[in-house]
């Protein structure tokens, strides 16, 4: 729904790509994981896998890890090829006062359907609830997510203190 790498509102899929650089007696690794849009999947796959293929083999541990990282990256990349592309007009969602006013009449239903305050095991899938309410409120599913985050941050500011710094 919202790419955790670039922030645009687009179809996303969970991926985990790894990179390894071997330096004979030490190694340097880097990972990216999360819900990424197709553009970020492509960009991160080619960058991390390319670096690993060129620089990952130097050292015994790095040699073994490189094989595993490349296999992981290729398999996860292939599983993402069928994703819908990022729309040309995709942008990071913003939540204005007008958007909040359109969402507020549906807030109780939103929380009830997500079972946020009760049993999380009974919750409906977020994507389905957000899409349904977004269509009725004339906003995007990403704006529904931002609304939820704002409500939770207002009710539990201690959870979000580190995000502000």
Protein backbone atom coordinates (compact mmCIF):
# COMPACT_ATOMS: atom_id res chain seq x y z
CA UNK A 1 0.00 0.00 0.00
CA UNK A 2 2.76 2.48 0.97
CA UNK A 3 6.30 1.63 -0.06
CA UNK A 4 8.53 1.53 3.00
CA UNK A 5 11.49 2.60 0.89
CA UNK A 6 10.30 5.55 -1.20
CA UNK A 7 6.98 6.32 0.52
CA UNK A 8 4.72 6.33 -2.55
CA UNK A 9 1.27 4.84 -2.44
CA UNK A 10 1.46 1.88 -4.81
CA UNK A 11 1.08 -1.90 -4.79
CA UNK A 12 3.73 -3.38 -2.49
CA UNK A 13 5.12 -6.78 -1.62
CA UNK A 14 7.29 -7.93 1.27
CA UNK A 15 10.88 -8.56 0.20
CA UNK A 16 14.24 -8.98 1.90
CA UNK A 17 17.36 -8.37 -0.18
CA UNK A 18 20.88 -8.84 1.18
CA UNK A 19 24.28 -7.62 0.05
CA UNK A 20 27.72 -8.92 1.01
CA UNK A 21 31.16 -7.48 0.36
CA UNK A 22 34.03 -9.80 1.23
CA UNK A 23 37.38 -8.39 2.35
CA UNK A 24 39.44 -11.56 2.93
CA UNK A 25 39.51 -11.42 6.75
CA UNK A 26 36.32 -9.44 7.28
CA UNK A 27 33.08 -8.74 5.50
CA UNK A 28 30.50 -6.00 5.15
CA UNK A 29 26.83 -6.79 4.79
CA UNK A 30 23.71 -4.74 4.26
CA UNK A 31 20.03 -5.65 4.00
CA UNK A 32 16.77 -4.04 3.08
CA UNK A 33 13.45 -5.60 3.96
CA UNK A 34 9.87 -4.49 4.06
CA UNK A 35 6.90 -3.74 1.87
CA UNK A 36 8.38 -2.29 -1.33
CA UNK A 37 6.84 -1.06 -4.59
CA UNK A 38 7.91 -2.64 -7.88
CA UNK A 39 10.28 0.24 -8.70
CA UNK A 40 12.09 -0.12 -5.37
CA UNK A 41 12.17 -3.92 -5.74
CA UNK A 42 13.95 -3.54 -9.10
CA UNK A 43 16.33 -0.83 -7.89
CA UNK A 44 17.34 -2.65 -4.69
CA UNK A 45 17.60 -6.08 -6.32
CA UNK A 46 19.98 -4.93 -9.04
CA UNK A 47 22.07 -2.75 -6.73
CA UNK A 48 22.47 -5.25 -3.90
CA UNK A 49 22.76 -8.38 -6.04
CA UNK A 50 25.17 -6.72 -8.49
CA UNK A 51 27.44 -5.56 -5.67
CA UNK A 52 27.34 -9.02 -4.09
CA UNK A 53 28.13 -10.77 -7.39
CA UNK A 54 31.15 -8.54 -7.99
CA UNK A 55 32.53 -8.06 -4.47
CA UNK A 56 31.02 -10.81 -2.33
CA UNK A 57 33.41 -13.69 -2.98
CA UNK A 58 36.54 -12.52 -1.14
CA UNK A 59 36.94 -14.69 1.97
CA UNK A 60 35.73 -18.17 2.96
CA UNK A 61 32.69 -17.05 4.97
CA UNK A 62 31.87 -14.40 2.37
CA UNK A 63 32.05 -16.98 -0.41
CA UNK A 64 29.41 -19.15 1.28
CA UNK A 65 27.22 -16.20 2.24
CA UNK A 66 27.38 -14.77 -1.27
CA UNK A 67 25.87 -17.94 -2.70
CA UNK A 68 23.02 -17.82 -0.19
CA UNK A 69 22.42 -14.07 -0.60
CA UNK A 70 22.35 -14.26 -4.40
CA UNK A 71 19.93 -17.21 -4.32
CA UNK A 72 17.68 -15.41 -1.82
CA UNK A 73 17.69 -12.20 -3.86
CA UNK A 74 16.97 -13.93 -7.17
CA UNK A 75 14.11 -16.02 -5.75
CA UNK A 76 12.49 -13.04 -4.05
CA UNK A 77 12.93 -10.92 -7.17
CA UNK A 78 11.32 -13.55 -9.39
CA UNK A 79 8.35 -13.73 -7.01
CA UNK A 80 7.86 -9.97 -7.48
CA UNK A 81 7.88 -9.89 -11.28
CA UNK A 82 4.11 -10.29 -11.44
CA UNK A 83 3.47 -7.21 -9.29
CA UNK A 84 1.43 -4.36 -10.71
CA UNK A 85 3.65 -1.47 -11.78
CA UNK A 86 3.82 1.76 -9.84
CA UNK A 87 1.24 4.16 -11.32
CA UNK A 88 2.79 7.11 -13.13
CA UNK A 89 0.97 9.55 -10.85
CA UNK A 90 1.93 7.74 -7.61
CA UNK A 91 2.95 10.03 -4.77
CA UNK A 92 3.43 9.76 -1.05
CA UNK A 93 0.04 10.17 0.63
CA UNK A 94 -0.67 13.27 2.69
CA UNK A 95 -3.42 13.79 5.22
CA UNK A 96 -5.13 17.19 5.20
CA UNK A 97 -7.85 18.51 7.48
CA UNK A 98 -10.37 17.98 4.65
CA UNK A 99 -9.28 14.32 4.39
CA UNK A 100 -9.66 13.86 8.15
CA UNK A 101 -13.17 15.32 8.00
CA UNK A 102 -14.11 12.84 5.24
CA UNK A 103 -12.67 9.88 7.19
CA UNK A 104 -14.02 10.75 10.67
CA UNK A 105 -17.62 9.56 9.98
CA UNK A 106 -16.14 6.12 9.26
CA UNK A 107 -13.66 6.07 12.18
CA UNK A 108 -15.76 3.89 14.50
CA UNK A 109 -16.45 1.39 11.73
CA UNK A 110 -12.76 1.41 10.81
CA UNK A 111 -11.65 0.53 14.33
CA UNK A 112 -14.47 -2.01 14.76
CA UNK A 113 -13.57 -3.82 11.55
CA UNK A 114 -9.89 -3.84 12.42
CA UNK A 115 -10.66 -4.96 16.00
CA UNK A 116 -7.77 -2.75 17.09
CA UNK A 117 -9.01 -2.36 20.65
CA UNK A 118 -10.32 -5.90 21.11
CA UNK A 119 -9.10 -9.22 19.76
CA UNK A 120 -6.57 -8.75 16.92
CA UNK A 121 -7.24 -12.32 15.78
CA UNK A 122 -10.75 -11.27 14.71
CA UNK A 123 -9.58 -8.33 12.60
CA UNK A 124 -10.43 -8.09 8.92
CA UNK A 125 -7.46 -7.72 6.53
CA UNK A 126 -6.28 -4.12 6.62
CA UNK A 127 -6.03 -3.76 2.83
CA UNK A 128 -9.68 -4.75 2.38
CA UNK A 129 -10.96 -2.47 5.15
CA UNK A 130 -8.81 0.49 4.05
CA UNK A 131 -9.85 0.15 0.41
CA UNK A 132 -13.56 -0.11 1.27
CA UNK A 133 -13.59 2.87 3.63
CA UNK A 134 -11.29 4.92 1.37
CA UNK A 135 -13.70 4.49 -1.54
CA UNK A 136 -16.65 5.60 0.59
CA UNK A 137 -14.77 8.51 2.19
CA UNK A 138 -13.30 9.62 -1.17
CA UNK A 139 -9.69 9.31 0.03
CA UNK A 140 -6.92 6.79 -0.68
CA UNK A 141 -6.06 3.69 1.36
CA UNK A 142 -2.74 5.35 2.19
CA UNK A 143 -4.60 8.25 3.76
CA UNK A 144 -6.59 5.76 5.85
CA UNK A 145 -3.27 4.38 7.12
CA UNK A 146 -2.02 7.89 7.94
CA UNK A 147 -5.29 8.61 9.77
CA UNK A 148 -4.85 5.44 11.88
CA UNK A 149 -1.26 6.36 12.68
CA UNK A 150 -2.34 9.86 13.72
CA UNK A 151 -5.10 8.53 16.01
CA UNK A 152 -2.75 6.03 17.64
CA UNK A 153 -0.03 8.68 18.02
CA UNK A 154 -2.53 11.00 19.67
CA UNK A 155 -3.76 8.31 22.08
CA UNK A 156 -0.29 6.84 22.78
CA UNK A 157 2.32 9.58 22.27
CA UNK A 158 4.96 7.58 24.17
CA UNK A 159 5.12 5.11 21.26
CA UNK A 160 6.02 7.86 18.83
CA UNK A 161 8.47 9.99 20.82
CA UNK A 162 11.53 8.39 19.19
CA UNK A 163 10.12 8.97 15.68
CA UNK A 164 10.15 12.73 16.16
CA UNK A 165 13.83 12.91 17.10
